[in-house]
Protein backbone atom coordinates (compact mmCIF):
# COMPACT_ATOMS: atom_id res chain seq x y z
CA UNK A 1 -21.68 23.24 3.86
CA UNK A 2 -21.57 22.21 0.43
CA UNK A 3 -23.62 19.43 0.82
CA UNK A 4 -26.33 22.02 2.27
CA UNK A 5 -26.25 23.67 -0.92
CA UNK A 6 -26.25 20.58 -3.01
CA UNK A 7 -29.47 19.50 -1.16
CA UNK A 8 -30.58 23.23 -1.61
CA UNK A 9 -29.82 22.69 -5.28
CA UNK A 10 -32.17 19.78 -5.46
CA UNK A 11 -34.99 21.22 -4.05
CA UNK A 12 -35.11 24.07 -6.08
CA UNK A 13 -34.31 22.30 -9.18
CA UNK A 14 -36.98 19.62 -8.45
CA UNK A 15 -39.42 22.06 -7.90
CA UNK A 16 -38.93 24.19 -11.12
CA UNK A 17 -39.23 20.60 -13.12
CA UNK A 18 -42.59 20.04 -11.70
CA UNK A 19 -43.70 23.56 -12.53
CA UNK A 20 -46.00 23.65 -9.25
CA UNK A 21 -46.15 25.49 -6.10
CA UNK A 22 -48.98 25.75 -3.38
CA UNK A 23 -49.96 29.06 -2.64
CA UNK A 24 -53.13 29.82 0.10
CA UNK A 25 -55.81 32.36 -1.49
CA UNK A 26 -57.37 34.57 0.89
CA UNK A 27 -55.03 34.11 3.65
CA UNK A 28 -55.47 36.97 5.61
CA UNK A 29 -59.50 36.44 5.58
CA UNK A 30 -61.60 34.44 8.04
CA UNK A 31 -63.64 32.76 4.67
CA UNK A 32 -66.33 30.14 5.62
CA UNK A 33 -68.01 29.91 1.96
CA UNK A 34 -67.15 30.43 -1.57
CA UNK A 35 -68.19 30.00 -5.18
CA UNK A 36 -66.51 28.45 -7.69
CA UNK A 37 -66.99 27.93 -11.45
CA UNK A 38 -64.47 27.11 -14.05
CA UNK A 39 -63.06 30.14 -16.42
CA UNK A 40 -61.25 28.50 -19.29
CA UNK A 41 -60.41 24.88 -20.16
CA UNK A 42 -61.79 21.70 -18.96
CA UNK A 43 -61.26 20.43 -15.51
CA UNK A 44 -62.31 17.32 -13.16
CA UNK A 45 -64.27 17.72 -10.00
CA UNK A 46 -63.37 15.76 -6.52
CA UNK A 47 -65.01 15.38 -3.33
CA UNK A 48 -62.86 12.71 -0.81
CA UNK A 49 -61.32 10.78 -3.77
CA UNK A 50 -64.92 10.60 -5.82
CA UNK A 51 -65.07 11.25 -8.83
CA UNK A 52 -67.98 13.97 -9.08
CA UNK A 53 -69.99 14.59 -12.25
CA UNK A 54 -68.30 16.47 -15.18
CA UNK A 55 -71.39 18.56 -15.89
CA UNK A 56 -71.30 20.31 -12.76
CA UNK A 57 -68.09 22.14 -13.59
CA UNK A 58 -70.28 24.10 -16.44
CA UNK A 59 -71.61 26.04 -13.56
CA UNK A 60 -71.34 27.22 -9.83
CA UNK A 61 -70.62 25.55 -7.44
CA UNK A 62 -70.70 26.97 -3.95
CA UNK A 63 -68.74 25.20 -1.13
CA UNK A 64 -69.83 26.37 2.61
CA UNK A 65 -67.56 25.20 6.17
CA UNK A 66 -69.47 23.20 8.57
CA UNK A 67 -67.51 22.81 10.80
CA UNK A 68 -64.51 20.31 10.00
CA UNK A 69 -66.55 18.99 6.39
CA UNK A 70 -67.51 21.17 3.29
CA UNK A 71 -71.25 21.46 1.94
CA UNK A 72 -71.30 21.01 -1.78
CA UNK A 73 -73.98 23.29 -2.87
CA UNK A 74 -75.29 23.74 -6.67
CA UNK A 75 -78.30 26.05 -7.69
CA UNK A 76 -81.41 24.24 -6.10
CA UNK A 77 -79.54 21.50 -4.54
CA UNK A 78 -77.01 20.26 -2.20
CA UNK A 79 -74.86 17.32 -3.14
CA UNK A 80 -73.60 16.03 0.24
CA UNK A 81 -70.54 17.01 2.19
CA UNK A 82 -66.84 16.04 2.32
CA UNK A 83 -63.43 16.38 4.18
CA UNK A 84 -62.01 18.02 1.11
CA UNK A 85 -62.85 19.35 -2.84
CA UNK A 86 -60.93 19.29 -5.61
CA UNK A 87 -60.75 21.16 -9.09
CA UNK A 88 -58.07 18.89 -11.56
CA UNK A 89 -57.38 20.50 -14.48
CA UNK A 90 -57.62 18.19 -17.58
CA UNK A 91 -55.07 19.37 -20.20
CA UNK A 92 -53.55 23.06 -20.93
CA UNK A 93 -54.84 26.53 -20.21
CA UNK A 94 -57.59 25.78 -17.26
CA UNK A 95 -58.53 28.51 -14.89
CA UNK A 96 -61.08 29.04 -12.74
CA UNK A 97 -62.97 31.78 -10.83
CA UNK A 98 -63.60 32.12 -7.03
CA UNK A 99 -65.39 34.54 -4.67
CA UNK A 100 -65.80 34.14 -0.62
CA UNK A 101 -70.06 34.59 0.15
CA UNK A 102 -69.09 35.92 3.55
CA UNK A 103 -66.68 38.89 2.58
CA UNK A 104 -67.20 42.01 0.22
CA UNK A 105 -64.26 41.22 -2.40
CA UNK A 106 -64.24 40.63 -5.93
CA UNK A 107 -63.82 37.46 -7.91
CA UNK A 108 -60.26 36.30 -8.56
CA UNK A 109 -59.22 34.26 -11.30
CA UNK A 110 -56.80 31.86 -11.47
CA UNK A 111 -54.97 29.00 -12.89
CA UNK A 112 -54.27 25.08 -12.65
CA UNK A 113 -55.69 23.49 -9.69
CA UNK A 114 -57.39 24.16 -6.52
CA UNK A 115 -58.05 22.20 -2.92
CA UNK A 116 -60.36 23.38 -0.50
CA UNK A 117 -60.23 21.93 2.87
CA UNK A 118 -62.66 23.26 5.91
CA UNK A 119 -61.60 23.47 9.99
CA UNK A 120 -63.22 25.07 12.41
CA UNK A 121 -65.58 26.55 10.04
CA UNK A 122 -63.77 28.07 7.80
CA UNK A 123 -62.07 27.23 4.71
CA UNK A 124 -58.68 26.77 3.66
CA UNK A 125 -58.18 27.41 -0.42
CA UNK A 126 -55.03 26.53 -1.83
CA UNK A 127 -53.96 26.70 -5.46
CA UNK A 128 -51.49 24.25 -7.03
CA UNK A 129 -50.20 26.44 -9.84
CA UNK A 130 -47.25 26.39 -12.40
CA UNK A 131 -44.90 28.45 -10.79
CA UNK A 132 -44.37 30.72 -13.81
CA UNK A 133 -48.01 31.32 -13.68
CA UNK A 134 -47.86 32.61 -10.52
CA UNK A 135 -44.88 34.52 -10.86
CA UNK A 136 -46.85 36.12 -13.65
CA UNK A 137 -49.63 36.79 -10.95
CA UNK A 138 -47.44 38.30 -8.23
CA UNK A 139 -45.82 40.58 -11.22
CA UNK A 140 -48.77 42.32 -12.01
CA UNK A 141 -50.41 42.05 -8.06
CA UNK A 142 -47.32 43.68 -6.84
CA UNK A 143 -46.20 46.14 -9.64
CA UNK A 144 -49.30 47.16 -12.00
CA UNK A 145 -49.78 46.20 -15.51
CA UNK A 146 -49.22 49.44 -17.57
CA UNK A 147 -45.59 49.84 -17.75
CA UNK A 148 -42.88 48.17 -20.15
CA UNK A 149 -42.10 44.97 -20.37
CA UNK A 150 -38.47 45.00 -19.63
CA UNK A 151 -39.13 46.11 -15.68
CA UNK A 152 -41.54 43.27 -16.00
CA UNK A 153 -38.80 40.74 -16.61
CA UNK A 154 -36.55 42.85 -13.74
CA UNK A 155 -39.59 42.19 -11.44
CA UNK A 156 -40.48 38.57 -12.73
CA UNK A 157 -36.75 37.61 -11.75
CA UNK A 158 -37.08 39.01 -8.33
CA UNK A 159 -39.82 37.82 -7.53
CA UNK A 160 -39.14 34.08 -8.94
CA UNK A 161 -35.92 34.32 -6.72
CA UNK A 162 -38.27 35.41 -3.78
CA UNK A 163 -40.87 32.83 -4.01
CA UNK A 164 -38.15 30.04 -4.55
CA UNK A 165 -36.03 31.11 -1.37
CA UNK A 166 -39.17 31.14 1.06
CA UNK A 167 -40.96 28.17 -0.70
CA UNK A 168 -41.09 26.24 2.27
CA UNK A 169 -42.44 28.71 5.11
CA UNK A 170 -46.01 27.11 5.29
CA UNK A 171 -45.57 23.56 4.85
CA UNK A 172 -46.29 22.85 8.03
CA UNK A 173 -49.78 24.64 7.16
CA UNK A 174 -50.33 22.50 4.67
CA UNK A 175 -48.90 25.20 1.35
CA UNK A 176 -46.11 26.59 0.19
CA UNK A 177 -46.57 30.53 0.42
CA UNK A 178 -49.84 32.60 1.23
CA UNK A 179 -51.04 35.22 -0.91
CA UNK A 180 -50.15 37.99 1.24
CA UNK A 181 -47.44 40.83 1.89
CA UNK A 182 -45.98 38.06 4.10
CA UNK A 183 -45.00 36.24 0.83
CA UNK A 184 -45.74 38.19 -1.85
CA UNK A 185 -49.16 39.29 -2.84
CA UNK A 186 -51.08 37.43 -5.50
CA UNK A 187 -54.50 38.61 -6.25
CA UNK A 188 -54.87 36.59 -9.39
CA UNK A 189 -53.62 35.25 -12.24
CA UNK A 190 -51.85 37.87 -14.97
CA UNK A 191 -54.67 39.38 -17.51
CA UNK A 192 -51.61 41.23 -19.11
CA UNK A 193 -50.09 39.76 -22.14
CA UNK A 194 -46.69 41.61 -22.09
CA UNK A 195 -46.51 40.66 -18.30
CA UNK A 196 -47.03 36.91 -19.32
CA UNK A 197 -44.24 37.63 -22.20
CA UNK A 198 -41.78 38.93 -19.87
CA UNK A 199 -42.30 36.19 -17.14
CA UNK A 200 -41.55 32.92 -19.88
CA UNK A 201 -38.72 34.80 -21.57
CA UNK A 202 -37.07 34.86 -18.21
CA UNK A 203 -38.30 31.51 -17.05
CA UNK A 204 -36.30 29.93 -14.52
CA UNK A 205 -33.80 32.90 -13.86
CA UNK A 206 -32.92 33.60 -10.41
CA UNK A 207 -30.25 35.93 -8.28
CA UNK A 208 -27.72 34.44 -6.28
CA UNK A 209 -24.85 35.86 -4.16
CA UNK A 210 -21.02 34.96 -4.33
CA UNK A 211 -22.12 32.14 -2.67
CA UNK A 212 -24.31 30.87 -4.96
CA UNK A 213 -27.21 31.00 -2.36
CA UNK A 214 -30.66 32.84 -3.71
CA UNK A 215 -30.78 36.09 -2.53
CA UNK A 216 -33.27 37.78 -0.63
CA UNK A 217 -34.72 40.31 -3.50
CA UNK A 218 -36.01 42.86 -1.87
CA UNK A 219 -37.93 45.43 -3.64
CA UNK A 220 -39.71 49.08 -2.65
CA UNK A 221 -41.97 51.41 -4.44
CA UNK A 222 -39.65 54.28 -4.65
CA UNK A 223 -36.35 55.16 -2.55
CA UNK A 224 -36.83 58.72 -3.16
CA UNK A 225 -33.34 59.27 -4.25
CA UNK A 226 -31.19 56.79 -2.26
CA UNK A 227 -31.68 53.07 -1.49
CA UNK A 228 -31.12 51.75 1.76
CA UNK A 229 -28.62 49.29 3.33
CA UNK A 230 -30.48 46.27 4.77
CA UNK A 231 -28.65 46.43 8.35
CA UNK A 232 -30.63 50.03 8.58
CA UNK A 233 -33.91 48.45 8.24
CA UNK A 234 -33.99 44.83 9.06
CA UNK A 235 -31.02 44.49 11.47
CA UNK A 236 -28.85 41.73 8.97
CA UNK A 237 -26.51 43.31 7.18
CA UNK A 238 -26.44 41.83 3.37
CA UNK A 239 -23.17 42.40 1.21
CA UNK A 240 -26.03 42.66 -2.15
CA UNK A 241 -28.30 45.16 -0.32
CA UNK A 242 -26.45 48.40 -0.14
CA UNK A 243 -27.21 51.87 -0.20
CA UNK A 244 -26.68 53.79 -3.63
CA UNK A 245 -27.73 56.72 -5.61
CA UNK A 246 -30.67 56.55 -7.66
CA UNK A 247 -32.06 59.74 -9.50
CA UNK A 248 -34.16 57.74 -12.08
CA UNK A 249 -36.94 57.93 -9.27
CA UNK A 250 -36.69 61.22 -8.57
CA UNK A 251 -39.40 62.69 -10.77
CA UNK A 252 -41.74 59.57 -10.80
CA UNK A 253 -45.27 59.52 -8.66
CA UNK A 254 -44.10 58.63 -5.13
CA UNK A 255 -41.07 60.20 -5.37
CA UNK A 256 -42.40 62.94 -2.62
CA UNK A 257 -44.97 63.38 -0.23
CA UNK A 258 -45.92 65.67 2.49
CA UNK A 259 -47.68 64.92 5.88
CA UNK A 260 -48.81 67.54 8.36
CA UNK A 261 -48.88 66.66 12.36
CA UNK A 262 -50.54 68.56 14.94
CA UNK A 263 -46.89 70.25 16.89
CA UNK A 264 -48.53 69.07 20.58
CA UNK A 265 -49.06 65.81 19.03
CA UNK A 266 -45.54 65.35 18.17
CA UNK A 267 -44.06 67.01 20.73
CA UNK A 268 -46.32 64.46 23.12
CA UNK A 269 -45.57 61.20 21.18
CA UNK A 270 -40.92 62.15 21.71
CA UNK A 271 -41.56 63.06 25.24
CA UNK A 272 -43.88 59.87 26.21
CA UNK A 273 -42.62 57.44 24.15
CA UNK A 274 -38.84 58.16 23.96
CA UNK A 275 -38.32 60.61 26.61
CA UNK A 276 -37.17 63.36 24.46
CA UNK A 277 -36.41 66.39 26.31
CA UNK A 278 -39.17 68.82 25.04
CA UNK A 279 -39.57 71.15 27.68
CA UNK A 280 -35.62 72.22 27.14
CA UNK A 281 -35.99 74.99 23.95
CA UNK A 282 -32.94 74.19 22.30
CA UNK A 283 -34.08 70.31 22.30
CA UNK A 284 -37.48 71.33 20.97
CA UNK A 285 -36.26 73.55 18.40
CA UNK A 286 -34.18 70.44 17.31
CA UNK A 287 -37.04 68.39 17.39
CA UNK A 288 -39.39 70.85 15.00
CA UNK A 289 -36.54 71.20 12.90
CA UNK A 290 -35.03 67.90 11.28
CA UNK A 291 -33.39 67.44 8.41
CA UNK A 292 -32.22 64.19 6.29
CA UNK A 293 -30.07 65.27 3.01
CA UNK A 294 -28.71 61.74 2.68
CA UNK A 295 -30.55 58.58 4.58
CA UNK A 296 -30.11 58.68 8.35
CA UNK A 297 -30.78 55.50 10.32
CA UNK A 298 -31.65 57.76 13.71
CA UNK A 299 -33.59 60.44 14.53
CA UNK A 300 -30.54 61.93 17.23
CA UNK A 301 -30.30 64.26 19.96
CA UNK A 302 -26.74 63.58 22.55
CA UNK A 303 -26.98 59.98 23.49
CA UNK A 304 -30.62 59.49 22.20
CA UNK A 305 -31.39 57.34 18.75
CA UNK A 306 -34.56 57.05 18.00
CA UNK A 307 -34.97 54.89 14.83
CA UNK A 308 -36.36 56.43 11.89
CA UNK A 309 -38.35 53.40 10.57
CA UNK A 310 -40.15 53.55 14.37
CA UNK A 311 -41.47 56.92 13.82
CA UNK A 312 -42.69 56.00 10.18
CA UNK A 313 -44.20 52.75 11.89
CA UNK A 314 -45.97 54.47 14.84
CA UNK A 315 -47.36 57.65 12.32
CA UNK A 316 -47.95 55.09 9.58
CA UNK A 317 -45.36 57.42 7.23
CA UNK A 318 -44.70 56.50 3.49
CA UNK A 319 -41.29 56.31 4.21
CA UNK A 320 -38.43 56.69 7.09
CA UNK A 321 -37.08 59.54 4.56
CA UNK A 322 -38.45 62.61 5.06
CA UNK A 323 -37.37 66.14 7.08
CA UNK A 324 -39.83 67.93 9.64
CA UNK A 325 -39.96 71.68 9.63
CA UNK A 326 -42.44 73.67 12.24
CA UNK A 327 -45.12 75.55 10.81
CA UNK A 328 -47.41 77.78 13.40
CA UNK A 329 -49.24 75.19 15.64
CA UNK A 330 -47.84 71.81 13.02
CA UNK A 331 -44.76 70.49 11.99
CA UNK A 332 -45.10 69.20 8.57
CA UNK A 333 -43.09 65.96 7.47
CA UNK A 334 -41.30 66.44 4.01
CA UNK A 335 -40.71 63.01 2.85
CA UNK A 336 -39.04 61.64 0.06
CA UNK A 337 -39.90 58.13 -1.82
CA UNK A 338 -42.21 55.26 -0.74
CA UNK A 339 -41.74 51.88 1.17
CA UNK A 340 -38.56 50.76 3.15
CA UNK A 341 -35.68 51.65 0.85
CA UNK A 342 -34.31 48.27 0.93
CA UNK A 343 -33.18 46.73 -2.90
CA UNK A 344 -34.62 47.48 -6.27
CA UNK A 345 -36.39 50.75 -6.24
CA UNK A 346 -39.26 49.74 -8.58
CA UNK A 347 -40.27 53.37 -9.97
CA UNK A 348 -36.39 53.49 -10.54
CA UNK A 349 -36.17 50.50 -12.72
CA UNK A 350 -39.64 51.24 -14.84
CA UNK A 351 -37.87 54.73 -15.44
CA UNK A 352 -34.37 52.99 -16.53
CA UNK A 353 -36.36 50.19 -18.21
CA UNK A 354 -37.86 53.25 -20.49
CA UNK A 355 -34.90 54.47 -20.77
CA UNK A 356 -33.59 51.25 -22.93
CA UNK A 357 -31.89 50.01 -20.00
CA UNK A 358 -31.78 46.11 -20.03
CA UNK A 359 -32.84 44.07 -17.09
CA UNK A 360 -29.25 42.69 -17.14
CA UNK A 361 -28.11 46.09 -16.30
CA UNK A 362 -30.82 47.01 -13.77
CA UNK A 363 -30.43 44.59 -11.46
CA UNK A 364 -27.09 45.13 -10.71
CA UNK A 365 -27.70 48.75 -10.38
CA UNK A 366 -29.42 47.99 -7.18
CA UNK A 367 -27.82 44.13 -6.19
CA UNK A 368 -24.38 44.47 -5.71
CA UNK A 369 -22.15 41.65 -6.62
CA UNK A 370 -25.17 39.14 -7.74
CA UNK A 371 -25.30 37.09 -10.90
CA UNK A 372 -28.47 36.07 -12.82
CA UNK A 373 -28.45 32.52 -12.93
CA UNK A 374 -30.87 29.47 -14.51
CA UNK A 375 -31.34 27.33 -11.63
CA UNK A 376 -30.51 24.27 -13.73
CA UNK A 377 -27.35 25.60 -14.41
CA UNK A 378 -26.29 26.04 -10.63
CA UNK A 379 -24.80 22.64 -10.44
CA UNK A 380 -22.19 23.96 -13.28
CA UNK A 381 -20.57 26.13 -11.19
CA UNK A 382 -20.42 24.25 -7.49
CA UNK A 383 -17.39 22.45 -6.61
CA UNK A 384 -17.50 19.05 -6.17
């Protein structure tokens, strides 16, 4: 076990010292073409190990997938085809813009390098970026850019921990992480100076458990006043992901929600999917009048237990923390919070940061028994 920990430590610190992570862009989209241009700094352009004319980096380049090759186009000309294309930064502060040509989505801006491959008429675009620049982009994508810096320090440590803990989940596909919710949302480089500052003021800091292993750094928008145990959502009990009360988020934007559903639709759902006895008057009344004072895991009736997370998923509710009341021909779901409820409550943490709580105090409130540590110091705490 100790050998495994040391091996993982070498991987993590090696990655940190290299300052690079490979992230697939537009990972959930079928992109057949992109336009690319330099936003800042200088780049050299490569196609199949051949150095292209650097003056091309001053304009817009279009890359089109043709089966398993890439056709390179500039305004008024086609330069040829290649198996792969790369923008390689020269010096510091280099960034580029990229936009799919076949999908209606906005232009994105990223730091550092870009590599493009083609397969089956589709492009795979991979951004190789400094890990701290990547974290900055994730922080802004996951939590917006309009709150206090201390919260962004918290989010930076969580996003960095999550990234390093899941660094090799896409290795067989030719990159480290994707830019979607499967890994972490990464829509662009950060455009906010206070986020950039928060990231670099916590550079290299991660969260570890009592065994000095990187934790599952879960977070969600709003817990509704009480976070959830990890096993209540993911069937895996983790000692640092325990349910805690949280009054800080109760007056924040996503603390409460309502959803009205036709009474007949709700009862049909319970009957058809879960074999709930809706024709029994007492059972029917219970189905139409359900309350959660503190967080529950199941909607229960006798021996029948329906996971509340299943109801949330089936009805696309904001959270599994809700009560139900009958209202004429409808049932009204009165919910609390937004998200799965495990780990950090973002809006609670924002409120705490506004109240002058430091990131050193906010993190242990939500994650029990964890330590904030720099990756380079991990070996100091390990036994020989």
